[in-house]
N, C-alpha and C. Protein backbone atom coordinates (compact mmCIF):
# COMPACT_ATOMS: atom_id res chain seq x y z
N UNK A 1 0.84 -1.20 0.00
CA UNK A 1 0.00 0.00 0.00
C UNK A 1 0.87 1.24 0.00
N UNK A 2 0.56 2.19 -0.87
CA UNK A 2 1.29 3.46 -0.92
C UNK A 2 0.44 4.58 -0.32
N UNK A 3 1.13 5.61 0.11
CA UNK A 3 0.48 6.75 0.74
C UNK A 3 0.86 8.01 -0.03
N UNK A 4 -0.13 8.88 -0.26
CA UNK A 4 0.13 10.09 -1.04
C UNK A 4 -0.37 11.33 -0.32
N UNK A 5 0.36 12.42 -0.48
CA UNK A 5 -0.07 13.74 -0.03
C UNK A 5 -0.57 14.50 -1.24
N UNK A 6 -1.80 15.03 -1.16
CA UNK A 6 -2.39 15.83 -2.22
C UNK A 6 -2.46 17.27 -1.75
N UNK A 7 -1.74 18.15 -2.43
CA UNK A 7 -1.72 19.58 -2.10
C UNK A 7 -2.68 20.28 -3.06
N UNK A 8 -3.75 20.84 -2.53
CA UNK A 8 -4.82 21.38 -3.36
C UNK A 8 -4.69 22.90 -3.55
N UNK A 9 -4.47 23.32 -4.78
CA UNK A 9 -4.68 24.71 -5.23
C UNK A 9 -3.99 25.78 -4.37
N UNK A 10 -2.77 25.55 -3.99
CA UNK A 10 -2.03 26.57 -3.23
C UNK A 10 -1.39 27.52 -4.25
N UNK A 11 -2.24 28.37 -4.83
CA UNK A 11 -1.87 29.21 -5.96
C UNK A 11 -1.92 30.69 -5.62
N UNK A 12 -1.18 31.48 -6.38
CA UNK A 12 -1.09 32.91 -6.09
C UNK A 12 -2.46 33.59 -6.03
N UNK A 13 -3.35 33.25 -6.94
CA UNK A 13 -4.64 33.94 -6.98
C UNK A 13 -5.52 33.61 -5.79
N UNK A 14 -5.21 32.53 -5.05
CA UNK A 14 -5.99 32.16 -3.88
C UNK A 14 -5.33 32.61 -2.57
N UNK A 15 -4.20 33.28 -2.70
CA UNK A 15 -3.51 33.79 -1.51
C UNK A 15 -3.57 35.30 -1.49
N UNK A 16 -3.15 35.88 -0.41
CA UNK A 16 -3.22 37.32 -0.22
C UNK A 16 -2.65 38.06 -1.42
N UNK A 17 -3.40 39.03 -1.91
CA UNK A 17 -3.00 39.78 -3.08
C UNK A 17 -3.65 39.30 -4.37
N UNK A 18 -4.26 38.11 -4.35
CA UNK A 18 -4.92 37.58 -5.53
C UNK A 18 -6.38 37.99 -5.59
N UNK A 19 -7.03 37.83 -6.75
CA UNK A 19 -8.43 38.23 -6.90
C UNK A 19 -9.41 37.38 -6.11
N UNK A 20 -9.00 36.19 -5.71
CA UNK A 20 -9.84 35.34 -4.87
C UNK A 20 -9.05 34.93 -3.62
N UNK A 21 -8.46 35.92 -2.98
CA UNK A 21 -7.60 35.64 -1.83
C UNK A 21 -8.38 35.02 -0.69
N UNK A 22 -7.81 33.97 -0.12
CA UNK A 22 -8.35 33.32 1.07
C UNK A 22 -7.46 33.73 2.25
N UNK A 23 -8.06 34.27 3.28
CA UNK A 23 -7.28 34.69 4.45
C UNK A 23 -6.48 33.51 5.00
N UNK A 24 -5.20 33.73 5.17
CA UNK A 24 -4.34 32.66 5.68
C UNK A 24 -3.76 31.78 4.59
N UNK A 25 -4.00 32.12 3.32
CA UNK A 25 -3.50 31.29 2.23
C UNK A 25 -1.98 31.20 2.21
N UNK A 26 -1.31 32.34 2.33
CA UNK A 26 0.15 32.34 2.32
C UNK A 26 0.71 31.60 3.54
N UNK A 27 0.07 31.78 4.68
CA UNK A 27 0.50 31.05 5.88
C UNK A 27 0.35 29.54 5.68
N UNK A 28 -0.75 29.13 5.02
CA UNK A 28 -0.96 27.71 4.75
C UNK A 28 0.14 27.19 3.83
N UNK A 29 0.52 27.98 2.82
CA UNK A 29 1.60 27.57 1.92
C UNK A 29 2.89 27.31 2.69
N UNK A 30 3.23 28.23 3.58
CA UNK A 30 4.46 28.08 4.36
C UNK A 30 4.36 26.90 5.32
N UNK A 31 3.19 26.72 5.93
CA UNK A 31 3.02 25.62 6.88
C UNK A 31 3.09 24.27 6.17
N UNK A 32 2.54 24.20 4.97
CA UNK A 32 2.62 22.95 4.20
C UNK A 32 4.07 22.64 3.86
N UNK A 33 4.83 23.67 3.50
CA UNK A 33 6.25 23.46 3.20
C UNK A 33 7.00 22.93 4.41
N UNK A 34 6.73 23.50 5.57
CA UNK A 34 7.37 23.02 6.79
C UNK A 34 6.98 21.57 7.07
N UNK A 35 5.70 21.26 6.86
CA UNK A 35 5.22 19.89 7.08
C UNK A 35 5.92 18.91 6.13
N UNK A 36 6.01 19.29 4.86
CA UNK A 36 6.65 18.41 3.88
C UNK A 36 8.11 18.21 4.23
N UNK A 37 8.79 19.26 4.63
CA UNK A 37 10.19 19.15 5.01
C UNK A 37 10.39 18.14 6.14
N UNK A 38 9.45 18.15 7.08
CA UNK A 38 9.57 17.26 8.24
C UNK A 38 9.03 15.86 7.99
N UNK A 39 8.09 15.72 7.05
CA UNK A 39 7.35 14.46 6.93
C UNK A 39 7.38 13.82 5.54
N UNK A 40 8.17 14.34 4.61
CA UNK A 40 8.09 13.81 3.24
C UNK A 40 8.44 12.33 3.16
N UNK A 41 9.26 11.85 4.07
CA UNK A 41 9.63 10.43 4.03
C UNK A 41 8.46 9.52 4.43
N UNK A 42 7.40 10.11 5.00
CA UNK A 42 6.22 9.33 5.37
C UNK A 42 5.29 9.11 4.18
N UNK A 43 5.59 9.74 3.05
CA UNK A 43 4.74 9.63 1.86
C UNK A 43 5.53 8.99 0.72
N UNK A 44 4.85 8.11 0.00
CA UNK A 44 5.45 7.52 -1.18
C UNK A 44 5.37 8.47 -2.37
N UNK A 45 4.33 9.33 -2.36
CA UNK A 45 4.11 10.24 -3.48
C UNK A 45 3.54 11.56 -2.95
N UNK A 46 3.94 12.65 -3.59
CA UNK A 46 3.39 13.97 -3.29
C UNK A 46 2.98 14.61 -4.61
N UNK A 47 1.71 15.03 -4.70
CA UNK A 47 1.20 15.63 -5.93
C UNK A 47 0.49 16.94 -5.57
N UNK A 48 0.26 17.75 -6.59
CA UNK A 48 -0.43 19.03 -6.38
C UNK A 48 -1.50 19.22 -7.45
N UNK A 49 -2.56 19.91 -7.08
CA UNK A 49 -3.59 20.29 -8.05
C UNK A 49 -3.54 21.80 -8.26
N UNK A 50 -4.02 22.21 -9.44
CA UNK A 50 -4.10 23.63 -9.77
C UNK A 50 -5.40 23.91 -10.51
N UNK A 51 -6.08 24.99 -10.15
CA UNK A 51 -7.06 25.57 -11.06
C UNK A 51 -6.28 26.05 -12.28
N UNK A 52 -6.81 25.77 -13.47
CA UNK A 52 -6.04 26.08 -14.68
C UNK A 52 -7.03 26.41 -15.78
N UNK A 53 -7.59 27.60 -15.71
CA UNK A 53 -8.74 27.95 -16.55
C UNK A 53 -8.32 28.49 -17.91
N UNK A 54 -8.89 27.92 -18.94
CA UNK A 54 -8.70 28.39 -20.32
C UNK A 54 -9.95 29.13 -20.77
N UNK A 55 -11.07 28.45 -20.79
CA UNK A 55 -12.35 29.08 -21.11
C UNK A 55 -13.44 28.37 -20.31
N UNK A 56 -13.56 28.71 -19.00
CA UNK A 56 -14.47 27.98 -18.12
C UNK A 56 -15.93 28.44 -18.17
N UNK A 57 -16.28 29.21 -19.17
CA UNK A 57 -17.68 29.61 -19.35
C UNK A 57 -18.19 30.47 -18.21
N UNK A 58 -19.36 30.12 -17.68
CA UNK A 58 -20.01 30.94 -16.66
C UNK A 58 -19.32 30.87 -15.30
N UNK A 59 -18.27 30.08 -15.19
CA UNK A 59 -17.48 30.06 -13.95
C UNK A 59 -16.86 31.44 -13.69
N UNK A 60 -16.55 32.17 -14.77
CA UNK A 60 -16.07 33.54 -14.66
C UNK A 60 -17.23 34.50 -14.89
N UNK A 61 -17.27 35.57 -14.09
CA UNK A 61 -18.34 36.55 -14.28
C UNK A 61 -17.85 37.93 -13.84
N UNK A 62 -18.34 38.95 -14.56
CA UNK A 62 -18.07 40.33 -14.15
C UNK A 62 -18.89 40.71 -12.92
N UNK A 63 -19.98 39.98 -12.68
CA UNK A 63 -20.83 40.20 -11.49
C UNK A 63 -21.00 38.86 -10.78
N UNK A 64 -19.93 38.35 -10.21
CA UNK A 64 -19.96 37.01 -9.61
C UNK A 64 -20.86 36.92 -8.39
N UNK A 65 -21.45 35.73 -8.19
CA UNK A 65 -22.26 35.52 -6.99
C UNK A 65 -21.44 34.83 -5.89
N UNK A 66 -20.18 34.50 -6.18
CA UNK A 66 -19.27 33.87 -5.22
C UNK A 66 -19.82 32.55 -4.69
N UNK A 67 -20.63 31.91 -5.52
CA UNK A 67 -21.13 30.57 -5.22
C UNK A 67 -20.95 29.68 -6.45
N UNK A 68 -21.53 30.12 -7.57
CA UNK A 68 -21.39 29.40 -8.82
C UNK A 68 -20.55 30.16 -9.84
N UNK A 69 -20.36 31.45 -9.60
CA UNK A 69 -19.56 32.27 -10.50
C UNK A 69 -18.59 33.12 -9.69
N UNK A 70 -17.42 33.42 -10.30
CA UNK A 70 -16.32 34.03 -9.57
C UNK A 70 -15.60 35.04 -10.46
N UNK A 71 -14.84 35.97 -9.88
CA UNK A 71 -13.97 36.82 -10.71
C UNK A 71 -12.94 35.96 -11.45
N UNK A 72 -12.39 36.49 -12.52
CA UNK A 72 -11.35 35.76 -13.26
C UNK A 72 -10.19 35.40 -12.33
N UNK A 73 -9.75 34.18 -12.41
CA UNK A 73 -8.67 33.73 -11.55
C UNK A 73 -7.98 32.52 -12.18
N UNK A 74 -6.75 32.31 -11.81
CA UNK A 74 -5.98 31.13 -12.21
C UNK A 74 -6.10 30.84 -13.71
N UNK A 75 -5.93 31.88 -14.51
CA UNK A 75 -5.95 31.71 -15.96
C UNK A 75 -4.70 30.92 -16.37
N UNK A 76 -4.89 29.92 -17.22
CA UNK A 76 -3.79 29.03 -17.62
C UNK A 76 -2.59 29.82 -18.11
N UNK A 77 -1.43 29.51 -17.58
CA UNK A 77 -0.20 30.15 -17.98
C UNK A 77 0.10 31.47 -17.30
N UNK A 78 -0.82 31.95 -16.46
CA UNK A 78 -0.62 33.25 -15.82
C UNK A 78 0.13 33.09 -14.51
N UNK A 79 0.66 34.22 -14.03
CA UNK A 79 1.34 34.23 -12.73
C UNK A 79 0.40 33.82 -11.61
N UNK A 80 -0.87 34.24 -11.72
CA UNK A 80 -1.84 33.90 -10.69
C UNK A 80 -2.12 32.42 -10.58
N UNK A 81 -1.90 31.68 -11.66
CA UNK A 81 -2.15 30.23 -11.64
C UNK A 81 -0.97 29.45 -11.08
N UNK A 82 0.18 30.10 -10.92
CA UNK A 82 1.34 29.41 -10.38
C UNK A 82 1.15 29.08 -8.91
N UNK A 83 1.85 28.06 -8.47
CA UNK A 83 1.85 27.75 -7.05
C UNK A 83 2.52 28.89 -6.29
N UNK A 84 2.03 29.15 -5.08
CA UNK A 84 2.56 30.25 -4.27
C UNK A 84 4.04 30.03 -3.99
N UNK A 85 4.85 31.08 -4.02
CA UNK A 85 6.30 30.91 -3.82
C UNK A 85 6.67 30.37 -2.45
N UNK A 86 5.79 30.48 -1.46
CA UNK A 86 6.10 29.92 -0.14
C UNK A 86 5.85 28.42 -0.07
N UNK A 87 5.30 27.85 -1.15
CA UNK A 87 5.12 26.40 -1.20
C UNK A 87 6.35 25.78 -1.85
N UNK A 88 7.04 24.96 -1.11
CA UNK A 88 8.24 24.28 -1.61
C UNK A 88 7.82 23.16 -2.57
N UNK A 89 8.24 23.25 -3.83
CA UNK A 89 7.82 22.27 -4.83
C UNK A 89 8.83 21.13 -5.02
N UNK A 90 9.86 21.09 -4.20
CA UNK A 90 10.96 20.13 -4.42
C UNK A 90 10.47 18.69 -4.51
N UNK A 91 9.51 18.33 -3.69
CA UNK A 91 9.10 16.92 -3.61
C UNK A 91 7.84 16.60 -4.42
N UNK A 92 7.30 17.58 -5.11
CA UNK A 92 6.07 17.34 -5.88
C UNK A 92 6.41 16.57 -7.15
N UNK A 93 5.77 15.42 -7.33
CA UNK A 93 6.08 14.55 -8.46
C UNK A 93 5.20 14.82 -9.68
N UNK A 94 3.98 15.27 -9.45
CA UNK A 94 3.05 15.43 -10.57
C UNK A 94 2.05 16.53 -10.24
N UNK A 95 1.59 17.21 -11.29
CA UNK A 95 0.62 18.29 -11.15
C UNK A 95 -0.63 17.92 -11.94
N UNK A 96 -1.79 18.19 -11.33
CA UNK A 96 -3.06 17.88 -11.99
C UNK A 96 -3.86 19.17 -12.11
N UNK A 97 -4.13 19.55 -13.35
CA UNK A 97 -4.75 20.84 -13.63
C UNK A 97 -6.22 20.65 -14.00
N UNK A 98 -7.07 21.47 -13.41
CA UNK A 98 -8.52 21.27 -13.53
C UNK A 98 -9.21 22.57 -13.93
N UNK A 99 -10.41 22.41 -14.48
CA UNK A 99 -11.22 23.58 -14.79
C UNK A 99 -10.87 24.26 -16.09
N UNK A 100 -10.23 23.53 -17.01
CA UNK A 100 -9.81 24.16 -18.26
C UNK A 100 -11.00 24.79 -19.00
N UNK A 101 -12.11 24.05 -19.11
CA UNK A 101 -13.24 24.51 -19.91
C UNK A 101 -14.57 24.49 -19.15
N UNK A 102 -14.52 24.29 -17.85
CA UNK A 102 -15.73 24.30 -17.01
C UNK A 102 -15.29 24.44 -15.57
N UNK A 103 -16.22 24.78 -14.71
CA UNK A 103 -15.91 24.84 -13.29
C UNK A 103 -15.45 23.47 -12.81
N UNK A 104 -14.47 23.44 -11.93
CA UNK A 104 -13.99 22.18 -11.36
C UNK A 104 -13.44 22.46 -9.97
N UNK A 105 -13.99 21.81 -8.98
CA UNK A 105 -13.56 22.03 -7.61
C UNK A 105 -12.70 20.88 -7.08
N UNK A 106 -12.98 19.68 -7.52
CA UNK A 106 -12.25 18.53 -7.02
C UNK A 106 -10.99 18.27 -7.82
N UNK A 107 -9.92 17.95 -7.12
CA UNK A 107 -8.70 17.56 -7.80
C UNK A 107 -8.88 16.33 -8.65
N UNK A 108 -9.90 15.53 -8.36
CA UNK A 108 -10.15 14.32 -9.14
C UNK A 108 -10.75 14.64 -10.51
N UNK A 109 -11.04 15.91 -10.75
CA UNK A 109 -11.42 16.36 -12.09
C UNK A 109 -10.20 16.82 -12.89
N UNK A 110 -9.05 16.80 -12.26
CA UNK A 110 -7.84 17.31 -12.90
C UNK A 110 -7.18 16.30 -13.81
N UNK A 111 -6.40 16.82 -14.76
CA UNK A 111 -5.64 16.01 -15.70
C UNK A 111 -4.16 16.24 -15.46
N UNK A 112 -3.39 15.17 -15.64
CA UNK A 112 -1.94 15.28 -15.49
C UNK A 112 -1.42 16.34 -16.44
N UNK A 113 -0.71 17.31 -15.90
CA UNK A 113 -0.28 18.47 -16.69
C UNK A 113 0.83 18.10 -17.67
N UNK A 114 0.79 18.70 -18.87
CA UNK A 114 1.95 18.57 -19.77
C UNK A 114 3.19 19.09 -19.07
N UNK A 115 4.32 18.47 -19.33
CA UNK A 115 5.54 18.83 -18.61
C UNK A 115 5.93 20.29 -18.80
N UNK A 116 5.57 20.87 -19.95
CA UNK A 116 5.97 22.26 -20.20
C UNK A 116 4.95 23.26 -19.71
N UNK A 117 3.95 22.80 -18.93
CA UNK A 117 2.89 23.70 -18.49
C UNK A 117 2.79 23.79 -16.98
N UNK A 118 3.85 23.34 -16.29
CA UNK A 118 3.80 23.36 -14.83
C UNK A 118 4.96 24.19 -14.29
N UNK A 119 4.77 24.75 -13.08
CA UNK A 119 5.88 25.47 -12.46
C UNK A 119 6.98 24.49 -12.05
N UNK A 120 8.21 24.87 -12.25
CA UNK A 120 9.32 24.01 -11.88
C UNK A 120 9.87 24.43 -10.54
N UNK A 121 10.83 23.66 -10.04
CA UNK A 121 11.37 23.93 -8.72
C UNK A 121 12.02 25.29 -8.60
N UNK A 122 12.46 25.87 -9.73
CA UNK A 122 13.08 27.19 -9.65
C UNK A 122 12.07 28.31 -9.91
N UNK A 123 10.77 27.97 -9.81
CA UNK A 123 9.69 28.94 -9.85
C UNK A 123 9.53 29.63 -11.18
N UNK A 124 9.82 28.93 -12.30
CA UNK A 124 9.57 29.51 -13.61
C UNK A 124 8.08 29.42 -13.91
N UNK A 125 7.53 30.40 -14.63
CA UNK A 125 6.10 30.34 -14.95
C UNK A 125 5.80 29.26 -15.96
N UNK A 126 4.57 28.75 -15.95
CA UNK A 126 4.14 27.78 -16.94
C UNK A 126 4.12 28.41 -18.32
N UNK A 127 4.22 27.57 -19.35
CA UNK A 127 4.34 28.09 -20.71
C UNK A 127 3.12 27.83 -21.57
N UNK A 128 2.10 27.20 -21.06
CA UNK A 128 0.90 26.96 -21.87
C UNK A 128 0.18 28.29 -22.09
N UNK A 129 0.01 28.74 -23.32
CA UNK A 129 -0.67 30.01 -23.56
C UNK A 129 -2.12 29.95 -23.13
N UNK A 130 -2.56 30.95 -22.38
CA UNK A 130 -3.96 31.01 -21.99
C UNK A 130 -4.82 31.05 -23.24
N UNK A 131 -5.86 30.24 -23.26
CA UNK A 131 -6.76 30.21 -24.40
C UNK A 131 -6.38 29.18 -25.44
N UNK A 132 -5.24 28.51 -25.27
CA UNK A 132 -4.82 27.50 -26.23
C UNK A 132 -5.26 26.13 -25.74
N UNK A 133 -6.24 25.50 -26.39
CA UNK A 133 -6.74 24.22 -25.91
C UNK A 133 -5.94 23.03 -26.40
N UNK A 134 -4.89 23.26 -27.19
CA UNK A 134 -4.23 22.14 -27.85
C UNK A 134 -3.68 21.11 -26.87
N UNK A 135 -3.13 21.60 -25.75
CA UNK A 135 -2.53 20.67 -24.80
C UNK A 135 -3.56 19.75 -24.17
N UNK A 136 -4.83 20.12 -24.26
CA UNK A 136 -5.87 19.31 -23.63
C UNK A 136 -6.84 18.73 -24.66
N UNK A 137 -6.47 18.82 -25.96
CA UNK A 137 -7.37 18.35 -27.01
C UNK A 137 -7.57 16.84 -26.94
N UNK A 138 -6.54 16.12 -26.51
CA UNK A 138 -6.63 14.66 -26.45
C UNK A 138 -7.02 14.22 -25.05
N UNK A 139 -8.14 14.74 -24.58
CA UNK A 139 -8.57 14.47 -23.20
C UNK A 139 -8.79 12.98 -22.95
N UNK A 140 -9.19 12.24 -23.98
CA UNK A 140 -9.43 10.81 -23.81
C UNK A 140 -8.15 10.09 -23.44
N UNK A 141 -7.00 10.65 -23.82
CA UNK A 141 -5.72 10.02 -23.53
C UNK A 141 -5.09 10.57 -22.26
N UNK A 142 -5.70 11.61 -21.69
CA UNK A 142 -5.11 12.26 -20.52
C UNK A 142 -5.27 11.38 -19.29
N UNK A 143 -4.35 11.55 -18.37
CA UNK A 143 -4.36 10.77 -17.13
C UNK A 143 -4.95 11.62 -16.02
N UNK A 144 -5.99 11.13 -15.38
CA UNK A 144 -6.60 11.82 -14.26
C UNK A 144 -5.93 11.46 -12.95
N UNK A 145 -6.26 12.21 -11.91
CA UNK A 145 -5.64 11.98 -10.60
C UNK A 145 -5.91 10.57 -10.09
N UNK A 146 -7.15 10.09 -10.22
CA UNK A 146 -7.48 8.75 -9.74
C UNK A 146 -6.67 7.69 -10.48
N UNK A 147 -6.59 7.82 -11.81
CA UNK A 147 -5.80 6.86 -12.59
C UNK A 147 -4.35 6.86 -12.13
N UNK A 148 -3.81 8.06 -11.91
CA UNK A 148 -2.40 8.17 -11.52
C UNK A 148 -2.17 7.52 -10.15
N UNK A 149 -3.05 7.82 -9.20
CA UNK A 149 -2.91 7.23 -7.87
C UNK A 149 -3.03 5.71 -7.91
N UNK A 150 -3.99 5.22 -8.67
CA UNK A 150 -4.15 3.77 -8.77
C UNK A 150 -2.93 3.12 -9.40
N UNK A 151 -2.38 3.78 -10.42
CA UNK A 151 -1.21 3.20 -11.10
C UNK A 151 0.01 3.16 -10.19
N UNK A 152 -0.03 3.98 -9.11
CA UNK A 152 1.06 3.97 -8.14
C UNK A 152 0.67 3.26 -6.84
N UNK A 153 -0.40 2.47 -6.93
CA UNK A 153 -0.84 1.61 -5.80
C UNK A 153 -1.14 2.39 -4.53
N UNK A 154 -1.64 3.61 -4.68
CA UNK A 154 -1.98 4.44 -3.53
C UNK A 154 -3.33 4.00 -2.97
N UNK A 155 -3.41 3.84 -1.66
CA UNK A 155 -4.66 3.52 -0.99
C UNK A 155 -5.02 4.53 0.09
N UNK A 156 -4.02 5.26 0.55
CA UNK A 156 -4.20 6.19 1.67
C UNK A 156 -3.75 7.57 1.22
N UNK A 157 -4.64 8.59 1.34
CA UNK A 157 -4.26 9.94 0.93
C UNK A 157 -4.47 10.92 2.07
N UNK A 158 -3.61 11.93 2.11
CA UNK A 158 -3.72 13.05 3.03
C UNK A 158 -3.90 14.29 2.17
N UNK A 159 -4.90 15.11 2.50
CA UNK A 159 -5.24 16.27 1.68
C UNK A 159 -5.01 17.54 2.49
N UNK A 160 -4.34 18.51 1.87
CA UNK A 160 -4.09 19.83 2.47
C UNK A 160 -4.31 20.88 1.39
N UNK A 161 -4.40 22.16 1.77
CA UNK A 161 -4.44 23.20 0.76
C UNK A 161 -5.59 24.18 0.90
N UNK A 162 -6.03 24.73 -0.23
CA UNK A 162 -6.98 25.84 -0.30
C UNK A 162 -8.10 25.48 -1.28
N UNK A 163 -9.32 25.78 -1.00
CA UNK A 163 -9.86 26.29 0.25
C UNK A 163 -10.54 25.13 0.98
N UNK A 164 -10.46 25.17 2.30
CA UNK A 164 -11.00 24.09 3.12
C UNK A 164 -12.42 23.72 2.72
N UNK A 165 -13.26 24.74 2.53
CA UNK A 165 -14.69 24.52 2.34
C UNK A 165 -15.10 24.46 0.87
N UNK A 166 -14.13 24.42 -0.03
CA UNK A 166 -14.45 24.27 -1.45
C UNK A 166 -13.60 23.15 -2.05
N UNK A 167 -12.44 23.46 -2.56
CA UNK A 167 -11.68 22.46 -3.32
C UNK A 167 -11.06 21.38 -2.44
N UNK A 168 -10.66 21.72 -1.22
CA UNK A 168 -10.16 20.69 -0.31
C UNK A 168 -11.28 19.72 0.03
N UNK A 169 -12.45 20.26 0.36
CA UNK A 169 -13.59 19.40 0.69
C UNK A 169 -14.01 18.54 -0.51
N UNK A 170 -14.12 19.15 -1.69
CA UNK A 170 -14.53 18.40 -2.87
C UNK A 170 -13.54 17.30 -3.20
N UNK A 171 -12.26 17.61 -3.09
CA UNK A 171 -11.22 16.61 -3.39
C UNK A 171 -11.27 15.46 -2.39
N UNK A 172 -11.40 15.79 -1.12
CA UNK A 172 -11.40 14.74 -0.10
C UNK A 172 -12.63 13.84 -0.20
N UNK A 173 -13.79 14.43 -0.46
CA UNK A 173 -15.01 13.63 -0.59
C UNK A 173 -14.95 12.74 -1.83
N UNK A 174 -14.41 13.27 -2.92
CA UNK A 174 -14.25 12.43 -4.12
C UNK A 174 -13.26 11.31 -3.88
N UNK A 175 -12.23 11.59 -3.07
CA UNK A 175 -11.25 10.54 -2.75
C UNK A 175 -11.90 9.39 -1.99
N UNK A 176 -12.78 9.73 -1.06
CA UNK A 176 -13.51 8.69 -0.33
C UNK A 176 -14.36 7.88 -1.31
N UNK A 177 -15.09 8.58 -2.18
CA UNK A 177 -15.94 7.89 -3.15
C UNK A 177 -15.13 6.99 -4.08
N UNK A 178 -13.89 7.36 -4.33
CA UNK A 178 -13.03 6.55 -5.19
C UNK A 178 -12.41 5.38 -4.46
N UNK A 179 -12.62 5.30 -3.14
CA UNK A 179 -12.16 4.14 -2.39
C UNK A 179 -10.90 4.34 -1.57
N UNK A 180 -10.44 5.56 -1.45
CA UNK A 180 -9.23 5.81 -0.67
C UNK A 180 -9.57 6.06 0.80
N UNK A 181 -8.61 5.76 1.66
CA UNK A 181 -8.67 6.21 3.05
C UNK A 181 -8.16 7.64 3.07
N UNK A 182 -8.96 8.57 3.63
CA UNK A 182 -8.68 9.99 3.44
C UNK A 182 -8.58 10.73 4.78
N UNK A 183 -7.52 11.52 4.91
CA UNK A 183 -7.34 12.41 6.05
C UNK A 183 -7.12 13.83 5.54
N UNK A 184 -7.81 14.79 6.13
CA UNK A 184 -7.54 16.20 5.88
C UNK A 184 -6.89 16.77 7.13
N UNK A 185 -5.74 17.42 6.97
CA UNK A 185 -5.08 18.07 8.10
C UNK A 185 -5.57 19.51 8.13
N UNK A 186 -6.48 19.79 9.03
CA UNK A 186 -7.17 21.08 9.03
C UNK A 186 -6.20 22.25 9.21
N UNK A 187 -5.17 22.08 10.00
CA UNK A 187 -4.23 23.17 10.25
C UNK A 187 -3.39 23.50 9.02
N UNK A 188 -3.43 22.64 8.02
CA UNK A 188 -2.69 22.88 6.78
C UNK A 188 -3.65 23.24 5.65
N UNK A 189 -4.78 23.85 6.01
CA UNK A 189 -5.73 24.35 5.03
C UNK A 189 -6.09 25.79 5.39
N UNK A 190 -6.68 26.49 4.44
CA UNK A 190 -7.23 27.82 4.68
C UNK A 190 -8.60 27.86 4.04
N UNK A 191 -9.60 28.37 4.77
CA UNK A 191 -10.97 28.34 4.29
C UNK A 191 -11.54 29.71 4.01
N UNK A 192 -12.60 29.72 3.22
CA UNK A 192 -13.26 30.98 2.87
C UNK A 192 -14.20 31.44 3.98
N UNK A 193 -15.02 30.55 4.49
CA UNK A 193 -15.99 30.91 5.52
C UNK A 193 -15.28 31.20 6.84
N UNK A 194 -15.85 32.11 7.62
CA UNK A 194 -15.31 32.38 8.95
C UNK A 194 -15.47 31.17 9.86
N UNK A 195 -16.58 30.47 9.70
CA UNK A 195 -16.87 29.28 10.51
C UNK A 195 -16.84 28.06 9.59
N UNK A 196 -15.86 27.20 9.80
CA UNK A 196 -15.69 26.03 8.93
C UNK A 196 -16.28 24.77 9.52
N UNK A 197 -17.05 24.91 10.61
CA UNK A 197 -17.61 23.73 11.26
C UNK A 197 -18.52 22.93 10.33
N UNK A 198 -19.30 23.63 9.50
CA UNK A 198 -20.20 22.92 8.59
C UNK A 198 -19.41 22.13 7.56
N UNK A 199 -18.35 22.71 7.05
CA UNK A 199 -17.52 22.01 6.07
C UNK A 199 -16.85 20.79 6.70
N UNK A 200 -16.35 20.96 7.91
CA UNK A 200 -15.73 19.83 8.61
C UNK A 200 -16.75 18.72 8.86
N UNK A 201 -17.96 19.11 9.28
CA UNK A 201 -19.00 18.13 9.54
C UNK A 201 -19.37 17.38 8.26
N UNK A 202 -19.45 18.11 7.13
CA UNK A 202 -19.78 17.47 5.86
C UNK A 202 -18.70 16.48 5.44
N UNK A 203 -17.45 16.86 5.63
CA UNK A 203 -16.37 15.94 5.30
C UNK A 203 -16.41 14.70 6.18
N UNK A 204 -16.59 14.90 7.47
CA UNK A 204 -16.62 13.76 8.38
C UNK A 204 -17.81 12.85 8.08
N UNK A 205 -18.95 13.46 7.77
CA UNK A 205 -20.13 12.66 7.41
C UNK A 205 -19.86 11.84 6.14
N UNK A 206 -19.03 12.40 5.26
CA UNK A 206 -18.71 11.71 4.03
C UNK A 206 -17.58 10.69 4.16
N UNK A 207 -17.07 10.51 5.35
CA UNK A 207 -16.06 9.48 5.57
C UNK A 207 -14.63 9.98 5.65
N UNK A 208 -14.44 11.28 5.70
CA UNK A 208 -13.10 11.87 5.79
C UNK A 208 -12.70 12.02 7.26
N UNK A 209 -11.47 11.66 7.56
CA UNK A 209 -10.92 11.90 8.90
C UNK A 209 -10.30 13.29 8.90
N UNK A 210 -10.90 14.23 9.64
CA UNK A 210 -10.35 15.58 9.73
C UNK A 210 -9.53 15.67 10.99
N UNK A 211 -8.21 15.79 10.79
CA UNK A 211 -7.30 15.75 11.93
C UNK A 211 -6.90 17.15 12.38
């Protein structure tokens, strides 16, 4: 049995200074880095997800309702879509990018990123031009997060990242549905709501261990 750490959407646009900043996002990035530095040997694999929007339709809005529609964020290839600089990428083996052409909250909707479209350890920006669908045209051949985890014999996952009550929750609940044993480390997440008790309760009801 293998164990994996899934780092969800720790991106510039979701941290302080971004158009969809989550309070504590930068602190979460730094805390995750400290955790990885101390605990990376406890994981067989470490992966990250990214919002990576090309043309997500009504997910973007000039008058967002902040429920189903949002300000423009994490546009593919942009600085805002990069992982936050306080997140150490040294141990990340694979990146899964989601939301190219529709809203996507769960990392399990993500596709394994082309090698030239991900941030590297020296913090270079991705090179996929925003609006260019070519890298994702062969979606039938693309590898999803579940396929990748299964191919690496992963059975146990730990989920951290942003935002606790949206993409972290969606990813963790989908992981349970896919058959994984799932733990969310609450102190290594940052949430949108002031009170995250409902989100924690929903995750626990869905079979997630919130530590």
